[in-house]
Structures are given as C-alpha cells and as structure tokens.
C-alpha cells in the first residue's frame, strides 16, 4: 500500500491516503456529486439574476414575469401529477388483471372474513360489558340441546340393525 503511517506527534495533521481506490473515490465524488450541484446552483443563480433584472428594469411588464414564475412553479407539480397518474393507472390495470385471474370464490372468503370481523366486534363489545355474555351462554346451550336432539332422532331412525344404540 502507498498510504503513509500516521504521525506519532498529536499536533501533526494526518496525511490523506494515496492508494488508487481512494483517488478514484475522490474523483468520482467530484464528478458525480460536487460538479452537478455547482452547475445546478449556477443555473438557479442565472435564473434569479435574469428575473431580478427583468422585473427591476422598466422595459417589460411585471405580469409577464409573474406568468413566467407561475409556469416555473407549476412544472414540478405537473410532473408529480403525471407520476401519480402513471402509478394509479398501473394499480388499476394490475387490479383489473388480477380480478380476472382470481377465482370467484373470493366472494365467499370475503363473506367469511366479514363474519369473523363481526364476531370480533361482538367479542369486543361483550368484553366491555360482561353481563352481555349470558344471552350467548343461553344460545349456546340451546344449540347444544338441538344438536343432541337431532343426533338422538338420527339414531332412532337408523335403528338397532345398523349397530347404533338409540
């Protein structure tokens, strides 16, 4: 390596490394970061100077420069709106294609999701007022009784010949 070892005295400044990758980095930093920023600042400065002298001199009307300023202000908004339009168009197109591919059973899945959501809301409501659980317990007990009654009726209809006890 071509880098110089650091000095032993604390007051001496450290020399910059001289290896090729560091030199390449410094060159890239200037051409890819500093130069574009300097050029953009110079362009903006020229625009401001042009606008200033155009407005302060009596040779042109103030409304013309106001309209030019409005145009410069609306250009970024228009570009942003076009980008948003493109994104929304892509989303709508993608959803249209996806809905053609997704099976129609999604409606059934959505119904079950709504039922689960309604159940979660009911559980939340009951958790805030515990006395509301008693009607649930009663309904559950009635449901169990109905299932047992239906099971006994099926067993009676099947009869002992199929090996089921009534």
N, C-alpha and C. Protein backbone atom coordinates (compact mmCIF):
# COMPACT_ATOMS: atom_id res chain seq x y z
N UNK A 1 0.83 -1.19 0.00
CA UNK A 1 0.00 0.00 0.00
C UNK A 1 0.87 1.24 0.00
N UNK A 2 0.33 2.30 -0.55
CA UNK A 2 1.07 3.55 -0.61
C UNK A 2 0.71 4.51 0.50
N UNK A 3 -0.14 4.12 1.41
CA UNK A 3 -0.55 5.05 2.46
C UNK A 3 0.59 5.27 3.44
N UNK A 4 0.62 6.46 3.96
CA UNK A 4 1.67 6.85 4.89
C UNK A 4 1.20 6.55 6.31
N UNK A 5 2.07 5.99 7.17
CA UNK A 5 1.63 5.71 8.54
C UNK A 5 1.37 7.02 9.28
N UNK A 6 0.46 6.99 10.25
CA UNK A 6 0.14 8.22 10.98
C UNK A 6 1.33 8.70 11.78
N UNK A 7 1.38 9.96 11.97
CA UNK A 7 2.47 10.59 12.70
C UNK A 7 2.33 10.29 14.19
N UNK A 8 3.45 10.27 14.90
CA UNK A 8 3.41 9.98 16.34
C UNK A 8 3.11 11.22 17.16
N UNK A 9 3.30 12.39 16.61
CA UNK A 9 3.01 13.61 17.37
C UNK A 9 1.54 13.95 17.22
N UNK A 10 0.85 14.29 18.33
CA UNK A 10 -0.59 14.54 18.24
C UNK A 10 -0.95 15.81 17.50
N UNK A 11 -0.06 16.78 17.41
CA UNK A 11 -0.41 18.06 16.80
C UNK A 11 -0.29 18.00 15.28
N UNK A 12 0.42 17.06 14.74
CA UNK A 12 0.63 16.98 13.30
C UNK A 12 -0.63 16.44 12.62
N UNK A 13 -1.05 17.03 11.50
CA UNK A 13 -2.23 16.52 10.80
C UNK A 13 -1.93 15.19 10.12
N UNK A 14 -2.95 14.36 10.04
CA UNK A 14 -2.79 13.07 9.38
C UNK A 14 -2.76 13.25 7.88
N UNK A 15 -1.83 12.65 7.19
CA UNK A 15 -1.83 12.76 5.73
C UNK A 15 -2.94 11.90 5.14
N UNK A 16 -3.47 12.33 4.00
CA UNK A 16 -4.52 11.57 3.33
C UNK A 16 -3.92 10.35 2.66
N UNK A 17 -4.63 9.24 2.64
CA UNK A 17 -4.10 8.05 1.98
C UNK A 17 -3.95 8.30 0.48
N UNK A 18 -2.99 7.63 -0.13
CA UNK A 18 -2.69 7.85 -1.54
C UNK A 18 -2.93 6.60 -2.39
N UNK A 19 -3.65 5.61 -1.88
CA UNK A 19 -3.86 4.41 -2.68
C UNK A 19 -4.85 4.69 -3.81
N UNK A 20 -4.85 3.89 -4.86
CA UNK A 20 -5.64 4.17 -6.07
C UNK A 20 -7.15 4.20 -5.83
N UNK A 21 -7.67 3.36 -4.95
CA UNK A 21 -9.11 3.36 -4.73
C UNK A 21 -9.57 4.66 -4.08
N UNK A 22 -8.74 5.22 -3.21
CA UNK A 22 -9.10 6.49 -2.58
C UNK A 22 -9.08 7.62 -3.61
N UNK A 23 -8.08 7.62 -4.48
CA UNK A 23 -8.03 8.64 -5.53
C UNK A 23 -9.23 8.52 -6.47
N UNK A 24 -9.61 7.29 -6.81
CA UNK A 24 -10.79 7.09 -7.68
C UNK A 24 -12.06 7.57 -6.99
N UNK A 25 -12.13 7.32 -5.68
CA UNK A 25 -13.31 7.79 -4.93
C UNK A 25 -13.38 9.32 -4.94
N UNK A 26 -12.27 9.98 -4.71
CA UNK A 26 -12.26 11.44 -4.71
C UNK A 26 -12.66 11.99 -6.08
N UNK A 27 -12.18 11.35 -7.15
CA UNK A 27 -12.51 11.80 -8.49
C UNK A 27 -14.01 11.61 -8.76
N UNK A 28 -14.56 10.45 -8.37
CA UNK A 28 -15.98 10.20 -8.56
C UNK A 28 -16.82 11.15 -7.73
N UNK A 29 -16.39 11.44 -6.52
CA UNK A 29 -17.15 12.36 -5.66
C UNK A 29 -17.24 13.73 -6.32
N UNK A 30 -16.17 14.18 -6.95
CA UNK A 30 -16.22 15.49 -7.60
C UNK A 30 -17.14 15.46 -8.81
N UNK A 31 -16.96 14.48 -9.71
CA UNK A 31 -17.72 14.47 -10.96
C UNK A 31 -19.18 14.09 -10.78
N UNK A 32 -19.49 13.25 -9.79
CA UNK A 32 -20.86 12.76 -9.64
C UNK A 32 -21.66 13.50 -8.58
N UNK A 33 -21.01 14.24 -7.69
CA UNK A 33 -21.74 14.94 -6.63
C UNK A 33 -21.51 16.44 -6.69
N UNK A 34 -20.27 16.85 -6.56
CA UNK A 34 -19.99 18.29 -6.45
C UNK A 34 -20.28 19.05 -7.74
N UNK A 35 -19.80 18.56 -8.88
CA UNK A 35 -19.99 19.29 -10.13
C UNK A 35 -21.46 19.46 -10.49
N UNK A 36 -22.32 18.43 -10.42
CA UNK A 36 -23.74 18.67 -10.71
C UNK A 36 -24.39 19.67 -9.76
N UNK A 37 -24.00 19.64 -8.48
CA UNK A 37 -24.57 20.60 -7.53
C UNK A 37 -24.13 22.03 -7.85
N UNK A 38 -22.87 22.20 -8.22
CA UNK A 38 -22.37 23.53 -8.57
C UNK A 38 -23.06 24.05 -9.83
N UNK A 39 -23.20 23.18 -10.84
CA UNK A 39 -23.88 23.58 -12.08
C UNK A 39 -25.34 23.95 -11.83
N UNK A 40 -26.04 23.17 -11.00
CA UNK A 40 -27.44 23.49 -10.69
C UNK A 40 -27.54 24.81 -9.94
N UNK A 41 -26.61 25.06 -9.03
CA UNK A 41 -26.62 26.33 -8.30
C UNK A 41 -26.36 27.49 -9.25
N UNK A 42 -25.44 27.33 -10.21
CA UNK A 42 -25.17 28.39 -11.18
C UNK A 42 -26.37 28.66 -12.08
N UNK A 43 -27.06 27.60 -12.51
CA UNK A 43 -28.26 27.77 -13.35
C UNK A 43 -29.33 28.52 -12.57
N UNK A 44 -29.55 28.13 -11.32
CA UNK A 44 -30.55 28.82 -10.50
C UNK A 44 -30.16 30.27 -10.26
N UNK A 45 -28.88 30.53 -10.03
CA UNK A 45 -28.42 31.89 -9.84
C UNK A 45 -28.65 32.73 -11.11
N UNK A 46 -28.36 32.16 -12.26
CA UNK A 46 -28.60 32.87 -13.53
C UNK A 46 -30.08 33.17 -13.71
N UNK A 47 -30.95 32.20 -13.37
CA UNK A 47 -32.40 32.43 -13.48
C UNK A 47 -32.84 33.55 -12.54
N UNK A 48 -32.34 33.53 -11.32
CA UNK A 48 -32.73 34.58 -10.37
C UNK A 48 -32.24 35.96 -10.83
N UNK A 49 -31.00 36.01 -11.34
CA UNK A 49 -30.47 37.29 -11.82
C UNK A 49 -31.29 37.78 -13.01
N UNK A 50 -31.63 36.87 -13.93
CA UNK A 50 -32.46 37.25 -15.09
C UNK A 50 -33.81 37.76 -14.64
N UNK A 51 -34.44 37.07 -13.72
CA UNK A 51 -35.74 37.51 -13.23
C UNK A 51 -35.62 38.85 -12.51
N UNK A 52 -34.58 39.02 -11.72
CA UNK A 52 -34.41 40.27 -10.98
C UNK A 52 -34.25 41.46 -11.94
N UNK A 53 -33.35 41.32 -12.91
CA UNK A 53 -33.15 42.43 -13.84
C UNK A 53 -34.35 42.63 -14.75
N UNK A 54 -35.07 41.57 -15.05
CA UNK A 54 -36.27 41.71 -15.88
C UNK A 54 -37.37 42.45 -15.15
N UNK A 55 -37.47 42.25 -13.86
CA UNK A 55 -38.53 42.90 -13.08
C UNK A 55 -38.14 44.34 -12.73
N UNK A 56 -36.87 44.56 -12.37
CA UNK A 56 -36.48 45.90 -11.93
C UNK A 56 -36.33 46.87 -13.08
N UNK A 57 -36.00 46.41 -14.24
CA UNK A 57 -35.94 47.31 -15.40
C UNK A 57 -37.36 47.58 -15.86
N UNK A 58 -37.61 48.74 -16.32
CA UNK A 58 -38.96 49.10 -16.75
C UNK A 58 -39.30 48.66 -18.15
N UNK A 59 -38.44 47.84 -18.77
CA UNK A 59 -38.64 47.51 -20.17
C UNK A 59 -39.77 46.50 -20.38
N UNK A 60 -40.08 45.65 -19.43
CA UNK A 60 -41.14 44.68 -19.63
C UNK A 60 -42.15 44.77 -18.49
N UNK A 61 -43.29 44.21 -18.72
CA UNK A 61 -44.34 44.29 -17.71
C UNK A 61 -44.13 43.27 -16.61
N UNK A 62 -44.63 43.61 -15.46
CA UNK A 62 -44.49 42.74 -14.29
C UNK A 62 -45.35 41.48 -14.44
N UNK A 63 -46.47 41.61 -15.13
CA UNK A 63 -47.35 40.44 -15.29
C UNK A 63 -46.68 39.34 -16.10
N UNK A 64 -45.87 39.72 -17.09
CA UNK A 64 -45.18 38.71 -17.89
C UNK A 64 -44.27 37.87 -17.00
N UNK A 65 -43.54 38.54 -16.11
CA UNK A 65 -42.64 37.82 -15.23
C UNK A 65 -43.41 37.01 -14.18
N UNK A 66 -44.54 37.49 -13.77
CA UNK A 66 -45.37 36.72 -12.84
C UNK A 66 -45.87 35.44 -13.51
N UNK A 67 -46.25 35.55 -14.78
CA UNK A 67 -46.70 34.36 -15.52
C UNK A 67 -45.56 33.37 -15.72
N UNK A 68 -44.36 33.89 -15.99
CA UNK A 68 -43.21 33.00 -16.14
C UNK A 68 -42.92 32.29 -14.82
N UNK A 69 -43.01 33.02 -13.72
CA UNK A 69 -42.80 32.40 -12.40
C UNK A 69 -43.85 31.34 -12.11
N UNK A 70 -45.08 31.62 -12.51
CA UNK A 70 -46.14 30.64 -12.31
C UNK A 70 -45.86 29.37 -13.10
N UNK A 71 -45.37 29.54 -14.32
CA UNK A 71 -45.03 28.37 -15.13
C UNK A 71 -43.93 27.56 -14.45
N UNK A 72 -42.89 28.25 -13.94
CA UNK A 72 -41.82 27.54 -13.27
C UNK A 72 -42.30 26.84 -12.01
N UNK A 73 -43.30 27.38 -11.37
CA UNK A 73 -43.84 26.73 -10.16
C UNK A 73 -44.74 25.55 -10.50
N UNK A 74 -45.44 25.62 -11.63
CA UNK A 74 -46.37 24.53 -11.97
C UNK A 74 -45.69 23.35 -12.65
N UNK A 75 -44.51 23.53 -13.18
CA UNK A 75 -43.83 22.41 -13.85
C UNK A 75 -43.57 21.25 -12.89
N UNK A 76 -43.01 21.44 -11.69
CA UNK A 76 -42.81 20.29 -10.78
C UNK A 76 -44.13 19.66 -10.34
N UNK A 77 -45.15 20.49 -10.16
CA UNK A 77 -46.45 19.95 -9.75
C UNK A 77 -47.02 19.08 -10.87
N UNK A 78 -46.88 19.53 -12.10
CA UNK A 78 -47.36 18.75 -13.24
C UNK A 78 -46.62 17.44 -13.39
N UNK A 79 -45.30 17.47 -13.18
CA UNK A 79 -44.51 16.24 -13.28
C UNK A 79 -44.92 15.26 -12.18
N UNK A 80 -45.13 15.78 -10.97
CA UNK A 80 -45.60 14.92 -9.87
C UNK A 80 -46.97 14.34 -10.16
N UNK A 81 -47.85 15.15 -10.75
CA UNK A 81 -49.19 14.65 -11.09
C UNK A 81 -49.11 13.57 -12.16
N UNK A 82 -48.22 13.72 -13.13
CA UNK A 82 -48.07 12.68 -14.15
C UNK A 82 -47.53 11.38 -13.56
N UNK A 83 -46.61 11.50 -12.61
CA UNK A 83 -46.09 10.31 -11.96
C UNK A 83 -47.21 9.60 -11.18
N UNK A 84 -48.00 10.38 -10.44
CA UNK A 84 -49.11 9.79 -9.68
C UNK A 84 -50.14 9.16 -10.62
N UNK A 85 -50.41 9.81 -11.75
CA UNK A 85 -51.34 9.26 -12.74
C UNK A 85 -50.82 7.94 -13.27
N UNK A 86 -49.53 7.87 -13.55
CA UNK A 86 -48.96 6.62 -14.05
C UNK A 86 -49.05 5.51 -13.00
N UNK A 87 -48.77 5.85 -11.74
CA UNK A 87 -48.84 4.84 -10.67
C UNK A 87 -50.27 4.35 -10.50
N UNK A 88 -51.22 5.28 -10.46
CA UNK A 88 -52.62 4.88 -10.29
C UNK A 88 -53.12 4.07 -11.48
N UNK A 89 -52.70 4.45 -12.69
CA UNK A 89 -53.08 3.67 -13.87
C UNK A 89 -52.53 2.26 -13.78
N UNK A 90 -51.30 2.12 -13.36
CA UNK A 90 -50.70 0.78 -13.21
C UNK A 90 -51.44 -0.03 -12.15
N UNK A 91 -51.82 0.61 -11.05
CA UNK A 91 -52.55 -0.11 -10.00
C UNK A 91 -53.91 -0.57 -10.50
N UNK A 92 -54.63 0.31 -11.19
CA UNK A 92 -55.95 -0.06 -11.71
C UNK A 92 -55.83 -1.17 -12.74
N UNK A 93 -54.85 -1.07 -13.64
CA UNK A 93 -54.65 -2.11 -14.64
C UNK A 93 -54.29 -3.44 -13.97
N UNK A 94 -53.39 -3.37 -12.98
CA UNK A 94 -53.00 -4.59 -12.28
C UNK A 94 -54.15 -5.24 -11.53
N UNK A 95 -54.99 -4.41 -10.89
CA UNK A 95 -56.16 -4.97 -10.20
C UNK A 95 -57.15 -5.57 -11.19
N UNK A 96 -57.32 -4.92 -12.33
CA UNK A 96 -58.21 -5.48 -13.35
C UNK A 96 -57.73 -6.83 -13.84
N UNK A 97 -56.41 -6.95 -14.06
CA UNK A 97 -55.86 -8.24 -14.48
C UNK A 97 -55.98 -9.28 -13.37
N UNK A 98 -55.73 -8.84 -12.14
CA UNK A 98 -55.78 -9.78 -11.01
C UNK A 98 -57.19 -10.29 -10.77
N UNK A 99 -58.18 -9.43 -10.94
CA UNK A 99 -59.56 -9.87 -10.72
C UNK A 99 -60.00 -10.85 -11.78
N UNK A 100 -59.41 -10.80 -12.95
CA UNK A 100 -59.72 -11.79 -13.97
C UNK A 100 -59.08 -13.13 -13.66
N UNK A 101 -58.01 -13.14 -12.90
CA UNK A 101 -57.28 -14.37 -12.59
C UNK A 101 -57.79 -15.00 -11.30
N UNK A 102 -58.11 -14.16 -10.33
CA UNK A 102 -58.53 -14.67 -9.02
C UNK A 102 -59.88 -15.39 -9.17
N UNK A 103 -60.03 -16.57 -8.57
CA UNK A 103 -61.29 -17.30 -8.69
C UNK A 103 -62.44 -16.57 -8.02
N UNK A 104 -63.62 -16.93 -8.43
CA UNK A 104 -64.82 -16.27 -7.92
C UNK A 104 -65.13 -16.63 -6.47
N UNK A 105 -64.37 -17.56 -5.93
CA UNK A 105 -64.59 -17.94 -4.54
C UNK A 105 -64.15 -16.85 -3.57
N UNK A 106 -63.52 -15.80 -4.07
CA UNK A 106 -63.11 -14.73 -3.17
C UNK A 106 -64.30 -14.05 -2.52
N UNK A 107 -65.46 -14.08 -3.18
CA UNK A 107 -66.66 -13.51 -2.58
C UNK A 107 -67.04 -14.31 -1.32
N UNK A 108 -66.90 -15.62 -1.42
CA UNK A 108 -67.21 -16.47 -0.26
C UNK A 108 -66.20 -16.20 0.86
N UNK A 109 -64.95 -16.10 0.51
CA UNK A 109 -63.92 -15.82 1.51
C UNK A 109 -64.17 -14.46 2.15
N UNK A 110 -64.60 -13.49 1.35
CA UNK A 110 -64.89 -12.16 1.88
C UNK A 110 -66.06 -12.21 2.86
N UNK A 111 -67.08 -13.03 2.54
CA UNK A 111 -68.22 -13.18 3.46
C UNK A 111 -67.76 -13.74 4.80
N UNK A 112 -66.90 -14.78 4.75
CA UNK A 112 -66.39 -15.34 6.00
C UNK A 112 -65.52 -14.33 6.76
N UNK A 113 -64.76 -13.54 6.04
CA UNK A 113 -63.95 -12.51 6.69
C UNK A 113 -64.84 -11.48 7.38
N UNK A 114 -65.94 -11.11 6.73
CA UNK A 114 -66.87 -10.17 7.37
C UNK A 114 -67.50 -10.80 8.61
N UNK A 115 -67.84 -12.11 8.53
CA UNK A 115 -68.40 -12.78 9.69
C UNK A 115 -67.41 -12.80 10.86
N UNK A 116 -66.15 -13.08 10.56
CA UNK A 116 -65.12 -13.08 11.60
C UNK A 116 -64.97 -11.67 12.18
N UNK A 117 -65.01 -10.67 11.31
CA UNK A 117 -64.90 -9.29 11.79
C UNK A 117 -66.09 -8.93 12.68
N UNK A 118 -67.30 -9.33 12.27
CA UNK A 118 -68.47 -9.06 13.11
C UNK A 118 -68.36 -9.78 14.45
N UNK A 119 -67.85 -11.02 14.43
CA UNK A 119 -67.67 -11.75 15.67
C UNK A 119 -66.65 -11.08 16.58
N UNK A 120 -65.58 -10.58 16.00
CA UNK A 120 -64.56 -9.89 16.80
C UNK A 120 -65.13 -8.62 17.42
N UNK A 121 -65.96 -7.92 16.66
CA UNK A 121 -66.59 -6.71 17.21
C UNK A 121 -67.54 -7.07 18.35
N UNK A 122 -68.26 -8.18 18.20
CA UNK A 122 -69.18 -8.60 19.25
C UNK A 122 -68.41 -9.03 20.51
N UNK A 123 -67.31 -9.73 20.32
CA UNK A 123 -66.48 -10.13 21.47
C UNK A 123 -65.93 -8.88 22.16
N UNK A 124 -65.52 -7.90 21.39
CA UNK A 124 -65.04 -6.65 21.97
C UNK A 124 -66.15 -5.96 22.77
N UNK A 125 -67.35 -5.95 22.20
CA UNK A 125 -68.48 -5.31 22.88
C UNK A 125 -68.78 -6.02 24.19
N UNK A 126 -68.76 -7.37 24.16
CA UNK A 126 -69.07 -8.14 25.36
C UNK A 126 -67.94 -8.00 26.39
N UNK A 127 -66.71 -7.86 25.93
CA UNK A 127 -65.61 -7.75 26.89
C UNK A 127 -65.70 -6.45 27.69
N UNK A 128 -66.35 -5.45 27.13
CA UNK A 128 -66.55 -4.20 27.87
C UNK A 128 -67.72 -4.28 28.84
N UNK A 129 -68.69 -5.13 28.51
CA UNK A 129 -69.86 -5.32 29.39
C UNK A 129 -70.07 -6.83 29.59
N UNK A 130 -69.48 -7.40 30.62
CA UNK A 130 -69.52 -8.86 30.80
C UNK A 130 -70.93 -9.42 30.98
N UNK A 131 -71.88 -8.61 31.42
CA UNK A 131 -73.23 -9.16 31.61
C UNK A 131 -73.87 -9.55 30.28
N UNK A 132 -73.34 -9.06 29.16
CA UNK A 132 -73.90 -9.40 27.86
C UNK A 132 -73.54 -10.81 27.42
N UNK A 133 -72.72 -11.53 28.19
CA UNK A 133 -72.34 -12.89 27.80
C UNK A 133 -73.44 -13.90 28.13
N UNK A 134 -74.34 -13.55 29.04
CA UNK A 134 -75.38 -14.50 29.43
C UNK A 134 -76.30 -14.88 28.27
N UNK A 135 -76.74 -13.97 27.41
CA UNK A 135 -77.51 -14.42 26.25
C UNK A 135 -76.71 -15.34 25.33
N UNK A 136 -75.41 -15.14 25.23
CA UNK A 136 -74.57 -16.03 24.43
C UNK A 136 -74.57 -17.45 25.01
N UNK A 137 -74.42 -17.50 26.34
CA UNK A 137 -74.40 -18.82 27.00
C UNK A 137 -75.73 -19.53 26.78
N UNK A 138 -76.81 -18.79 26.88
CA UNK A 138 -78.15 -19.39 26.68
C UNK A 138 -78.29 -19.90 25.24
N UNK A 139 -77.87 -19.10 24.26
CA UNK A 139 -77.96 -19.53 22.86
C UNK A 139 -77.09 -20.76 22.60
N UNK A 140 -75.91 -20.78 23.21
CA UNK A 140 -75.02 -21.92 23.02
C UNK A 140 -75.64 -23.18 23.63
N UNK A 141 -76.23 -23.04 24.81
CA UNK A 141 -76.87 -24.20 25.46
C UNK A 141 -78.03 -24.71 24.61
N UNK A 142 -78.84 -23.80 24.05
CA UNK A 142 -79.94 -24.22 23.18
C UNK A 142 -79.41 -24.90 21.92
N UNK A 143 -78.33 -24.41 21.37
CA UNK A 143 -77.75 -25.01 20.18
C UNK A 143 -77.26 -26.42 20.47
N UNK A 144 -76.61 -26.59 21.65
CA UNK A 144 -76.12 -27.93 22.04
C UNK A 144 -77.31 -28.88 22.19
N UNK A 145 -78.39 -28.41 22.83
CA UNK A 145 -79.57 -29.26 23.01
C UNK A 145 -80.17 -29.67 21.67
N UNK A 146 -80.24 -28.72 20.72
CA UNK A 146 -80.77 -29.03 19.39
C UNK A 146 -79.91 -30.09 18.70
N UNK A 147 -78.59 -29.95 18.79
CA UNK A 147 -77.70 -30.92 18.15
C UNK A 147 -77.88 -32.31 18.79
N UNK A 148 -78.00 -32.35 20.11
CA UNK A 148 -78.19 -33.64 20.78
C UNK A 148 -79.52 -34.26 20.38
N UNK A 149 -80.56 -33.43 20.29
CA UNK A 149 -81.89 -33.92 19.91
C UNK A 149 -81.85 -34.47 18.48
N UNK A 150 -81.19 -33.76 17.58
CA UNK A 150 -81.07 -34.23 16.20
C UNK A 150 -80.28 -35.52 16.13
N UNK A 151 -79.23 -35.64 16.94
CA UNK A 151 -78.43 -36.86 16.95
C UNK A 151 -79.25 -38.03 17.46
N UNK A 152 -80.09 -37.81 18.50
CA UNK A 152 -80.94 -38.88 19.01
C UNK A 152 -81.98 -39.29 17.97
N UNK A 153 -82.53 -38.32 17.24
CA UNK A 153 -83.52 -38.64 16.21
C UNK A 153 -82.89 -39.44 15.08
N UNK A 154 -81.68 -39.08 14.66
CA UNK A 154 -81.00 -39.84 13.61
C UNK A 154 -80.69 -41.25 14.08
N UNK A 155 -80.31 -41.36 15.36
CA UNK A 155 -80.00 -42.69 15.89
C UNK A 155 -81.26 -43.54 15.98
N UNK A 156 -82.40 -42.91 16.32
CA UNK A 156 -83.66 -43.66 16.40
C UNK A 156 -84.12 -44.08 15.01
N UNK A 157 -83.92 -43.21 14.03
CA UNK A 157 -84.32 -43.55 12.66
C UNK A 157 -83.43 -44.63 12.08
N UNK A 158 -82.17 -44.65 12.43
CA UNK A 158 -81.25 -45.66 11.90
C UNK A 158 -81.59 -47.02 12.49
N UNK A 159 -81.97 -47.04 13.74
CA UNK A 159 -82.39 -48.29 14.37
C UNK A 159 -81.22 -49.15 14.78
N UNK A 160 -81.56 -50.21 15.52
CA UNK A 160 -80.51 -51.08 16.05
C UNK A 160 -79.90 -51.97 14.97
N UNK A 161 -80.54 -52.10 13.80
CA UNK A 161 -79.99 -53.00 12.79
C UNK A 161 -78.66 -52.49 12.22
N UNK A 162 -78.39 -51.21 12.33
CA UNK A 162 -77.12 -50.68 11.81
C UNK A 162 -76.08 -50.57 12.91
N UNK A 163 -76.35 -51.09 14.05
CA UNK A 163 -75.37 -51.15 15.10
C UNK A 163 -75.32 -49.91 15.96
N UNK A 164 -76.32 -49.04 15.87
CA UNK A 164 -76.32 -47.84 16.68
C UNK A 164 -77.27 -48.00 17.83
N UNK A 165 -76.90 -47.47 18.94
CA UNK A 165 -77.72 -47.57 20.15
C UNK A 165 -78.61 -46.34 20.21
N UNK A 166 -79.97 -46.54 20.43
CA UNK A 166 -80.85 -45.38 20.49
C UNK A 166 -80.72 -44.60 21.76
